[in-house]
Amino acid sequence: MSQVNTPSDKTGCIERPIRFVHRGRITEVRGADTTCTLLDWLRNEGGATGTKEGCGEGDCGACTVLVGEREGQGVRWTTVNACLQLMPMVDGKAIRTVEDLKQGGALHPAQQAMVDCHGSQCGFCTPGIVMTLTHVYERERACGSTPTRQQLADDLAGNLCRCTGYRPILDAGQRMFTLPAVGNDDAATAGLLEELAQDPPLAYTDAQGARCCAPRSLASLAALVESLPEARLLAGCTDIGLWVNKQHKALPLLISTTAVPE
């Protein structure tokens, strides 16, 4: 692997594939566009077509997935809109989609509760809602608590449902805590994330020559910004994601801030 070609030798970014945890193993991505979204990769390459594209703007939540990062000895999971996650942003992280929830022949409590409470009608928004409910379920179970109906509504605020309505979905959010408890594979995921943490900071070049660097410190970020003033800074992707999804903009050089703790 070669050092990223910048005037600075302070960045530490090394040219390599994008690496993340998916379906219990480390997955490597080479050649995908730097602006390929996690949603597109999941549907076109990852075999995870349960994740749906609704608005493509981060508004509807149909594409909600869980992204995990190592925290202490465990994993901290966050719900994100996959349509606004560019692939370099998931380097070093773990991805869970609706396909990952079923254990053996049993549905996850969030899935079973949606069935029991008739929480799905057309079903298009359902995978995203199930992923949000799963996040709530695991978060509250870890704390030994149960959310109120208002807390469930607040958690679901980013998931739009146009036909079922929220009453049965909120019913499902309450019912899932009454079903037999299930665990997760966070211990194994944490081990894989620890392995990924040994990778050097990412410098990634796609098949068209577009590049993205992902420094891991403020000093490295500053060095890259100084040496590559023409680069776009990639943070939450609420602007850049729409340039990609709606305007089809070419972005030849990106510097991602998502791996910088500050």
C-alpha atoms as a PDB file:
ATOM      1  CA  MET A   1       0.000   0.000   0.000  1.00  0.00           C
ATOM      2  CA  SER A   2       1.282   3.468  -0.852  1.00  0.00           C
ATOM      3  CA  GLN A   3       1.095   6.782   0.979  1.00  0.00           C
ATOM      4  CA  VAL A   4      -1.580   9.105  -0.373  1.00  0.00           C
ATOM      5  CA  ASN A   5      -0.002  11.477  -2.869  1.00  0.00           C
ATOM      6  CA  THR A   6      -0.118  14.834  -1.081  1.00  0.00           C
ATOM      7  CA  PRO A   7       2.593  17.387  -0.308  1.00  0.00           C
ATOM      8  CA  SER A   8       2.270  16.480   3.394  1.00  0.00           C
ATOM      9  CA  ASP A   9       3.685  13.403   5.076  1.00  0.00           C
ATOM     10  CA  LYS A  10       1.650  14.054   8.249  1.00  0.00           C
ATOM     11  CA  THR A  11      -1.670  12.532   7.200  1.00  0.00           C
ATOM     12  CA  GLY A  12      -0.916   8.833   7.647  1.00  0.00           C
ATOM     13  CA  CYS A  13      -3.553   7.993   5.013  1.00  0.00           C
ATOM     14  CA  ILE A  14      -2.714   4.848   3.062  1.00  0.00           C
ATOM     15  CA  GLU A  15      -4.217   3.743  -0.249  1.00  0.00           C
ATOM     16  CA  ARG A  16      -6.314   0.635   0.464  1.00  0.00           C
ATOM     17  CA  PRO A  17      -9.828  -0.840   0.010  1.00  0.00           C
ATOM     18  CA  ILE A  18     -12.806   0.252   2.085  1.00  0.00           C
ATOM     19  CA  ARG A  19     -13.237  -2.335   4.864  1.00  0.00           C
ATOM     20  CA  PHE A  20     -16.220  -2.860   7.146  1.00  0.00           C
ATOM     21  CA  VAL A  21     -18.157  -5.599   8.947  1.00  0.00           C
ATOM     22  CA  HIS A  22     -21.210  -6.983   7.137  1.00  0.00           C
ATOM     23  CA  ARG A  23     -23.033 -10.229   7.897  1.00  0.00           C
ATOM     24  CA  GLY A  24     -20.516 -11.378  10.456  1.00  0.00           C
ATOM     25  CA  ARG A  25     -17.365 -10.931   8.422  1.00  0.00           C
ATOM     26  CA  ILE A  26     -15.038  -8.227   7.156  1.00  0.00           C
ATOM     27  CA  THR A  27     -16.010  -7.060   3.681  1.00  0.00           C
ATOM     28  CA  GLU A  28     -13.655  -5.230   1.318  1.00  0.00           C
ATOM     29  CA  VAL A  29     -14.800  -2.858  -1.413  1.00  0.00           C
ATOM     30  CA  ARG A  30     -12.588  -1.979  -4.343  1.00  0.00           C
ATOM     31  CA  GLY A  31     -13.504  -0.003  -7.444  1.00  0.00           C
ATOM     32  CA  ALA A  32     -16.827   1.399  -6.231  1.00  0.00           C
ATOM     33  CA  ASP A  33     -17.258   5.123  -6.802  1.00  0.00           C
ATOM     34  CA  THR A  34     -16.206   7.297  -3.888  1.00  0.00           C
ATOM     35  CA  THR A  35     -19.731   8.722  -4.044  1.00  0.00           C
ATOM     36  CA  CYS A  36     -21.475   5.344  -4.129  1.00  0.00           C
ATOM     37  CA  THR A  37     -23.996   5.361  -1.296  1.00  0.00           C
ATOM     38  CA  LEU A  38     -24.279   2.593   1.254  1.00  0.00           C
ATOM     39  CA  LEU A  39     -27.865   2.131   0.042  1.00  0.00           C
ATOM     40  CA  ASP A  40     -26.769   1.506  -3.537  1.00  0.00           C
ATOM     41  CA  TRP A  41     -23.971  -0.821  -2.442  1.00  0.00           C
ATOM     42  CA  LEU A  42     -26.307  -2.842  -0.226  1.00  0.00           C
ATOM     43  CA  ARG A  43     -28.909  -3.237  -2.940  1.00  0.00           C
ATOM     44  CA  ASN A  44     -26.606  -3.738  -5.933  1.00  0.00           C
ATOM     45  CA  GLU A  45     -23.611  -5.537  -4.440  1.00  0.00           C
ATOM     46  CA  GLY A  46     -24.392  -6.599  -0.896  1.00  0.00           C
ATOM     47  CA  GLY A  47     -27.475  -8.680  -1.599  1.00  0.00           C
ATOM     48  CA  ALA A  48     -29.457  -6.689   0.977  1.00  0.00           C
ATOM     49  CA  THR A  49     -32.458  -5.579  -1.051  1.00  0.00           C
ATOM     50  CA  GLY A  50     -34.683  -5.394   2.022  1.00  0.00           C
ATOM     51  CA  THR A  51     -33.303  -1.890   2.500  1.00  0.00           C
ATOM     52  CA  LYS A  52     -35.498   0.384   0.394  1.00  0.00           C
ATOM     53  CA  GLU A  53     -34.906   3.669  -1.402  1.00  0.00           C
ATOM     54  CA  GLY A  54     -37.703   6.126  -0.738  1.00  0.00           C
ATOM     55  CA  CYS A  55     -36.849   9.800  -1.005  1.00  0.00           C
ATOM     56  CA  GLY A  56     -33.087   9.528  -1.523  1.00  0.00           C
ATOM     57  CA  GLU A  57     -32.772  12.685   0.591  1.00  0.00           C
ATOM     58  CA  GLY A  58     -32.544  11.398   4.152  1.00  0.00           C
ATOM     59  CA  ASP A  59     -36.124  12.411   4.925  1.00  0.00           C
ATOM     60  CA  CYS A  60     -38.284   9.270   4.854  1.00  0.00           C
ATOM     61  CA  GLY A  61     -36.236   6.667   6.738  1.00  0.00           C
ATOM     62  CA  ALA A  62     -37.131   3.754   4.444  1.00  0.00           C
ATOM     63  CA  CYS A  63     -33.406   3.040   4.040  1.00  0.00           C
ATOM     64  CA  THR A  64     -32.610   3.076   7.767  1.00  0.00           C
ATOM     65  CA  VAL A  65     -29.821   0.692   8.771  1.00  0.00           C
ATOM     66  CA  LEU A  66     -27.681   0.317  11.881  1.00  0.00           C
ATOM     67  CA  VAL A  67     -24.036   1.400  11.836  1.00  0.00           C
ATOM     68  CA  GLY A  68     -21.841   0.154  14.665  1.00  0.00           C
ATOM     69  CA  GLU A  69     -18.601   1.468  16.142  1.00  0.00           C
ATOM     70  CA  ARG A  70     -16.422  -0.030  18.863  1.00  0.00           C
ATOM     71  CA  GLU A  71     -17.137   1.451  22.295  1.00  0.00           C
ATOM     72  CA  GLY A  72     -15.276   0.031  25.274  1.00  0.00           C
ATOM     73  CA  GLN A  73     -15.665  -3.728  25.077  1.00  0.00           C
ATOM     74  CA  GLY A  74     -18.890  -3.516  23.093  1.00  0.00           C
ATOM     75  CA  VAL A  75     -20.472  -1.862  20.076  1.00  0.00           C
ATOM     76  CA  ARG A  76     -22.358   1.430  19.896  1.00  0.00           C
ATOM     77  CA  TRP A  77     -25.060   1.250  17.248  1.00  0.00           C
ATOM     78  CA  THR A  78     -26.610   4.249  15.511  1.00  0.00           C
ATOM     79  CA  THR A  79     -29.533   4.455  13.096  1.00  0.00           C
ATOM     80  CA  VAL A  80     -28.560   6.147   9.825  1.00  0.00           C
ATOM     81  CA  ASN A  81     -30.124   6.794   6.444  1.00  0.00           C
ATOM     82  CA  ALA A  82     -28.154   4.597   4.054  1.00  0.00           C
ATOM     83  CA  CYS A  83     -28.921   6.967   1.167  1.00  0.00           C
ATOM     84  CA  LEU A  84     -26.740   9.627   2.823  1.00  0.00           C
ATOM     85  CA  GLN A  85     -23.802   7.399   3.741  1.00  0.00           C
ATOM     86  CA  LEU A  86     -21.066   7.361   1.111  1.00  0.00           C
ATOM     87  CA  MET A  87     -19.027   4.173   1.164  1.00  0.00           C
ATOM     88  CA  PRO A  88     -15.806   5.745   2.520  1.00  0.00           C
ATOM     89  CA  MET A  89     -17.848   6.874   5.547  1.00  0.00           C
ATOM     90  CA  VAL A  90     -18.475   3.269   6.667  1.00  0.00           C
ATOM     91  CA  ASP A  91     -14.821   2.237   6.590  1.00  0.00           C
ATOM     92  CA  GLY A  92     -13.907   0.612   9.907  1.00  0.00           C
ATOM     93  CA  LYS A  93     -17.536   0.251  10.995  1.00  0.00           C
ATOM     94  CA  ALA A  94     -20.183  -2.479  11.129  1.00  0.00           C
ATOM     95  CA  ILE A  95     -23.436  -2.566   9.142  1.00  0.00           C
ATOM     96  CA  ARG A  96     -26.684  -4.327  10.081  1.00  0.00           C
ATOM     97  CA  THR A  97     -29.708  -4.469   7.809  1.00  0.00           C
ATOM     98  CA  VAL A  98     -33.156  -5.997   8.149  1.00  0.00           C
ATOM     99  CA  GLU A  99     -31.831  -9.292   6.715  1.00  0.00           C
ATOM    100  CA  ASP A 100     -29.536  -9.657   9.739  1.00  0.00           C
ATOM    101  CA  LEU A 101     -32.255  -9.691  12.410  1.00  0.00           C
ATOM    102  CA  LYS A 102     -33.824 -13.140  12.105  1.00  0.00           C
ATOM    103  CA  GLN A 103     -32.181 -15.752  14.331  1.00  0.00           C
ATOM    104  CA  GLY A 104     -32.673 -19.318  13.212  1.00  0.00           C
ATOM    105  CA  GLY A 105     -36.351 -19.653  12.386  1.00  0.00           C
ATOM    106  CA  ALA A 106     -37.508 -16.872  14.696  1.00  0.00           C
ATOM    107  CA  LEU A 107     -38.174 -13.274  13.799  1.00  0.00           C
ATOM    108  CA  HIS A 108     -36.626 -10.528  15.896  1.00  0.00           C
ATOM    109  CA  PRO A 109     -39.114  -9.161  18.475  1.00  0.00           C
ATOM    110  CA  ALA A 110     -39.339  -5.920  16.481  1.00  0.00           C
ATOM    111  CA  GLN A 111     -40.304  -7.887  13.369  1.00  0.00           C
ATOM    112  CA  GLN A 112     -42.715 -10.208  15.186  1.00  0.00           C
ATOM    113  CA  ALA A 113     -44.414  -7.332  16.954  1.00  0.00           C
ATOM    114  CA  MET A 114     -44.986  -5.546  13.630  1.00  0.00           C
ATOM    115  CA  VAL A 115     -46.661  -8.725  12.339  1.00  0.00           C
ATOM    116  CA  ASP A 116     -48.747  -9.185  15.479  1.00  0.00           C
ATOM    117  CA  CYS A 117     -49.916  -5.553  15.555  1.00  0.00           C
ATOM    118  CA  HIS A 118     -50.549  -5.238  11.796  1.00  0.00           C
ATOM    119  CA  GLY A 119     -47.968  -2.459  11.633  1.00  0.00           C
ATOM    120  CA  SER A 120     -47.262  -2.823   7.919  1.00  0.00           C
ATOM    121  CA  GLN A 121     -49.534  -2.113   4.970  1.00  0.00           C
ATOM    122  CA  CYS A 122     -47.720  -1.427   1.692  1.00  0.00           C
ATOM    123  CA  GLY A 123     -44.487  -2.472   3.429  1.00  0.00           C
ATOM    124  CA  PHE A 124     -42.181  -0.022   1.711  1.00  0.00           C
ATOM    125  CA  CYS A 125     -41.272   1.878   4.877  1.00  0.00           C
ATOM    126  CA  THR A 126     -41.389  -1.241   7.059  1.00  0.00           C
ATOM    127  CA  PRO A 127     -37.693  -2.304   6.911  1.00  0.00           C
ATOM    128  CA  GLY A 128     -36.550   1.133   8.072  1.00  0.00           C
ATOM    129  CA  ILE A 129     -39.129   1.190  10.846  1.00  0.00           C
ATOM    130  CA  VAL A 130     -38.082  -2.291  11.973  1.00  0.00           C
ATOM    131  CA  MET A 131     -34.441  -1.202  12.123  1.00  0.00           C
ATOM    132  CA  THR A 132     -35.344   1.814  14.258  1.00  0.00           C
ATOM    133  CA  LEU A 133     -37.442  -0.367  16.564  1.00  0.00           C
ATOM    134  CA  THR A 134     -34.557  -2.848  16.794  1.00  0.00           C
ATOM    135  CA  HIS A 135     -32.237  -0.051  17.865  1.00  0.00           C
ATOM    136  CA  VAL A 136     -34.755   1.041  20.526  1.00  0.00           C
ATOM    137  CA  TYR A 137     -35.221  -2.559  21.687  1.00  0.00           C
ATOM    138  CA  GLU A 138     -31.508  -3.228  22.133  1.00  0.00           C
ATOM    139  CA  ARG A 139     -30.806   0.159  23.713  1.00  0.00           C
ATOM    140  CA  GLU A 140     -33.601  -0.151  26.254  1.00  0.00           C
ATOM    141  CA  ARG A 141     -32.889  -3.818  27.009  1.00  0.00           C
ATOM    142  CA  ALA A 142     -29.269  -2.899  27.787  1.00  0.00           C
ATOM    143  CA  CYS A 143     -30.531  -0.319  30.291  1.00  0.00           C
ATOM    144  CA  GLY A 144     -33.192  -2.589  31.751  1.00  0.00           C
ATOM    145  CA  SER A 145     -35.934  -0.116  30.851  1.00  0.00           C
ATOM    146  CA  THR A 146     -38.992   0.128  28.633  1.00  0.00           C
ATOM    147  CA  PRO A 147     -39.762   3.278  26.632  1.00  0.00           C
ATOM    148  CA  THR A 148     -42.998   5.179  26.952  1.00  0.00           C
ATOM    149  CA  ARG A 149     -45.256   5.571  23.954  1.00  0.00           C
ATOM    150  CA  GLN A 150     -44.065   9.170  23.596  1.00  0.00           C
ATOM    151  CA  GLN A 151     -40.432   8.062  23.660  1.00  0.00           C
ATOM    152  CA  LEU A 152     -41.182   5.535  20.919  1.00  0.00           C
ATOM    153  CA  ALA A 153     -42.825   8.266  18.860  1.00  0.00           C
ATOM    154  CA  ASP A 154     -39.756  10.451  19.291  1.00  0.00           C
ATOM    155  CA  ASP A 155     -37.448   7.614  18.196  1.00  0.00           C
ATOM    156  CA  LEU A 156     -39.618   6.978  15.129  1.00  0.00           C
ATOM    157  CA  ALA A 157     -39.725  10.649  14.137  1.00  0.00           C
ATOM    158  CA  GLY A 158     -37.335   9.995  11.258  1.00  0.00           C
ATOM    159  CA  ASN A 159     -39.422   7.178   9.774  1.00  0.00           C
ATOM    160  CA  LEU A 160     -42.347   8.248   7.635  1.00  0.00           C
ATOM    161  CA  CYS A 161     -45.339   5.978   7.055  1.00  0.00           C
ATOM    162  CA  ARG A 162     -47.940   7.203   4.589  1.00  0.00           C
ATOM    163  CA  CYS A 163     -50.517   4.412   4.646  1.00  0.00           C
ATOM    164  CA  THR A 164     -50.477   2.305   7.817  1.00  0.00           C
ATOM    165  CA  GLY A 165     -50.473   5.163  10.301  1.00  0.00           C
ATOM    166  CA  TYR A 166     -48.512   5.220  13.516  1.00  0.00           C
ATOM    167  CA  ARG A 167     -50.962   3.729  16.028  1.00  0.00           C
ATOM    168  CA  PRO A 168     -50.221   0.075  15.165  1.00  0.00           C
ATOM    169  CA  ILE A 169     -46.512   0.850  14.776  1.00  0.00           C
ATOM    170  CA  LEU A 170     -46.406   2.331  18.268  1.00  0.00           C
ATOM    171  CA  ASP A 171     -48.389  -0.684  19.473  1.00  0.00           C
ATOM    172  CA  ALA A 172     -45.651  -2.876  17.984  1.00  0.00           C
ATOM    173  CA  GLY A 173     -42.984  -0.800  19.721  1.00  0.00           C
ATOM    174  CA  GLN A 174     -44.609  -1.565  23.047  1.00  0.00           C
ATOM    175  CA  ARG A 175     -45.413  -5.197  22.287  1.00  0.00           C
ATOM    176  CA  MET A 176     -41.854  -6.137  21.295  1.00  0.00           C
ATOM    177  CA  PHE A 177     -40.772  -5.812  24.930  1.00  0.00           C
ATOM    178  CA  THR A 178     -43.321  -8.455  25.977  1.00  0.00           C
ATOM    179  CA  LEU A 179     -41.966 -11.093  23.577  1.00  0.00           C
ATOM    180  CA  PRO A 180     -39.201 -13.592  24.425  1.00  0.00           C
ATOM    181  CA  ALA A 181     -35.899 -11.761  24.676  1.00  0.00           C
ATOM    182  CA  VAL A 182     -33.154 -12.248  22.092  1.00  0.00           C
ATOM    183  CA  GLY A 183     -29.477 -11.459  22.154  1.00  0.00           C
ATOM    184  CA  ASN A 184     -27.123 -10.227  19.465  1.00  0.00           C
ATOM    185  CA  ASP A 185     -23.628 -10.971  18.233  1.00  0.00           C
ATOM    186  CA  ASP A 186     -22.037  -7.771  19.525  1.00  0.00           C
ATOM    187  CA  ALA A 187     -19.112  -9.663  21.077  1.00  0.00           C
ATOM    188  CA  ALA A 188     -18.091 -11.109  17.716  1.00  0.00           C
ATOM    189  CA  THR A 189     -18.718  -7.784  15.990  1.00  0.00           C
ATOM    190  CA  ALA A 190     -16.562  -5.973  18.549  1.00  0.00           C
ATOM    191  CA  GLY A 191     -13.703  -8.377  17.807  1.00  0.00           C
ATOM    192  CA  LEU A 192     -13.940  -7.675  14.086  1.00  0.00           C
ATOM    193  CA  LEU A 193     -14.087  -3.927  14.701  1.00  0.00           C
ATOM    194  CA  GLU A 194     -10.956  -4.214  16.813  1.00  0.00           C
ATOM    195  CA  GLU A 195      -9.257  -5.912  13.866  1.00  0.00           C
ATOM    196  CA  LEU A 196     -10.360  -3.106  11.549  1.00  0.00           C
ATOM    197  CA  ALA A 197      -9.008  -0.533  13.990  1.00  0.00           C
ATOM    198  CA  GLN A 198      -5.512  -1.780  13.138  1.00  0.00           C
ATOM    199  CA  ASP A 199      -5.921  -0.603   9.535  1.00  0.00           C
ATOM    200  CA  PRO A 200      -4.200   2.675   8.625  1.00  0.00           C
ATOM    201  CA  PRO A 201      -6.347   5.747   7.896  1.00  0.00           C
ATOM    202  CA  LEU A 202      -8.121   5.379   4.583  1.00  0.00           C
ATOM    203  CA  ALA A 203      -7.049   6.830   1.253  1.00  0.00           C
ATOM    204  CA  TYR A 204      -9.347   5.405  -1.429  1.00  0.00           C
ATOM    205  CA  THR A 205      -9.294   5.910  -5.197  1.00  0.00           C
ATOM    206  CA  ASP A 206     -12.150   4.669  -7.367  1.00  0.00           C
ATOM    207  CA  ALA A 207     -12.058   3.327 -10.924  1.00  0.00           C
ATOM    208  CA  GLN A 208     -12.589   6.827 -12.341  1.00  0.00           C
ATOM    209  CA  GLY A 209      -9.708   8.301 -10.361  1.00  0.00           C
ATOM    210  CA  ALA A 210     -11.848  10.164  -7.810  1.00  0.00           C
ATOM    211  CA  ARG A 211     -10.348  10.051  -4.332  1.00  0.00           C
ATOM    212  CA  CYS A 212     -11.398  10.237  -0.706  1.00  0.00           C
ATOM    213  CA  CYS A 213      -9.118  10.517   2.319  1.00  0.00           C
ATOM    214  CA  ALA A 214     -10.311   9.827   5.868  1.00  0.00           C
ATOM    215  CA  PRO A 215      -7.811  11.106   8.461  1.00  0.00           C
ATOM    216  CA  ARG A 216      -8.200  10.144  12.122  1.00  0.00           C
ATOM    217  CA  SER A 217      -6.815  13.172  13.914  1.00  0.00           C
ATOM    218  CA  LEU A 218      -7.235  16.934  13.808  1.00  0.00           C
ATOM    219  CA  ALA A 219      -3.586  17.335  12.859  1.00  0.00           C
ATOM    220  CA  SER A 220      -3.955  14.991   9.885  1.00  0.00           C
ATOM    221  CA  LEU A 221      -7.186  16.682   8.855  1.00  0.00           C
ATOM    222  CA  ALA A 222      -5.512  20.083   8.973  1.00  0.00           C
ATOM    223  CA  ALA A 223      -2.550  18.823   6.940  1.00  0.00           C
ATOM    224  CA  LEU A 224      -4.863  17.448   4.245  1.00  0.00           C
ATOM    225  CA  VAL A 225      -6.975  20.600   4.073  1.00  0.00           C
ATOM    226  CA  GLU A 226      -3.809  22.690   3.777  1.00  0.00           C
ATOM    227  CA  SER A 227      -2.291  20.509   1.063  1.00  0.00           C
ATOM    228  CA  LEU A 228      -5.534  19.878  -0.864  1.00  0.00           C
ATOM    229  CA  PRO A 229      -7.457  23.175  -0.795  1.00  0.00           C
ATOM    230  CA  GLU A 230      -9.599  22.057  -3.746  1.00  0.00           C
ATOM    231  CA  ALA A 231     -11.069  19.129  -1.785  1.00  0.00           C
ATOM    232  CA  ARG A 232     -14.634  19.042  -0.447  1.00  0.00           C
ATOM    233  CA  LEU A 233     -15.085  18.269   3.241  1.00  0.00           C
ATOM    234  CA  LEU A 234     -17.436  15.344   3.846  1.00  0.00           C
ATOM    235  CA  ALA A 235     -19.157  15.335   7.243  1.00  0.00           C
ATOM    236  CA  GLY A 236     -22.813  14.400   7.793  1.00  0.00           C
ATOM    237  CA  CYS A 237     -23.426  14.262   4.021  1.00  0.00           C
ATOM    238  CA  THR A 238     -26.802  16.025   4.226  1.00  0.00           C
ATOM    239  CA  ASP A 239     -25.636  18.422   1.488  1.00  0.00           C
ATOM    240  CA  ILE A 240     -23.147  16.319  -0.475  1.00  0.00           C
ATOM    241  CA  GLY A 241     -25.516  13.340  -0.414  1.00  0.00           C
ATOM    242  CA  LEU A 242     -28.163  15.345  -2.250  1.00  0.00           C
ATOM    243  CA  TRP A 243     -25.606  16.662  -4.747  1.00  0.00           C
ATOM    244  CA  VAL A 244     -24.863  13.013  -5.514  1.00  0.00           C
ATOM    245  CA  ASN A 245     -28.402  11.583  -5.439  1.00  0.00           C
ATOM    246  CA  LYS A 246     -30.291  14.462  -7.034  1.00  0.00           C
ATOM    247  CA  GLN A 247     -27.805  16.499  -9.050  1.00  0.00           C
ATOM    248  CA  HIS A 248     -25.417  13.656  -9.984  1.00  0.00           C
ATOM    249  CA  LYS A 249     -22.444  15.897  -9.290  1.00  0.00           C
ATOM    250  CA  ALA A 250     -18.920  14.661  -9.836  1.00  0.00           C
ATOM    251  CA  LEU A 251     -16.803  15.127  -6.716  1.00  0.00           C
ATOM    252  CA  PRO A 252     -13.232  14.234  -7.666  1.00  0.00           C
ATOM    253  CA  LEU A 253     -11.654  14.854  -4.251  1.00  0.00           C
ATOM    254  CA  LEU A 254     -13.199  14.408  -0.813  1.00  0.00           C
ATOM    255  CA  ILE A 255     -11.785  14.638   2.698  1.00  0.00           C
ATOM    256  CA  SER A 256     -13.978  12.816   5.179  1.00  0.00           C
ATOM    257  CA  THR A 257     -14.147  14.094   8.755  1.00  0.00           C
ATOM    258  CA  THR A 258     -16.132  11.111  10.037  1.00  0.00           C
ATOM    259  CA  ALA A 259     -13.102   9.269  11.494  1.00  0.00           C
ATOM    260  CA  VAL A 260     -11.848  12.305  13.454  1.00  0.00           C
ATOM    261  CA  PRO A 261     -13.163  11.983  17.046  1.00  0.00           C
ATOM    262  CA  GLU A 262     -13.413  15.715  17.610  1.00  0.00           C
END
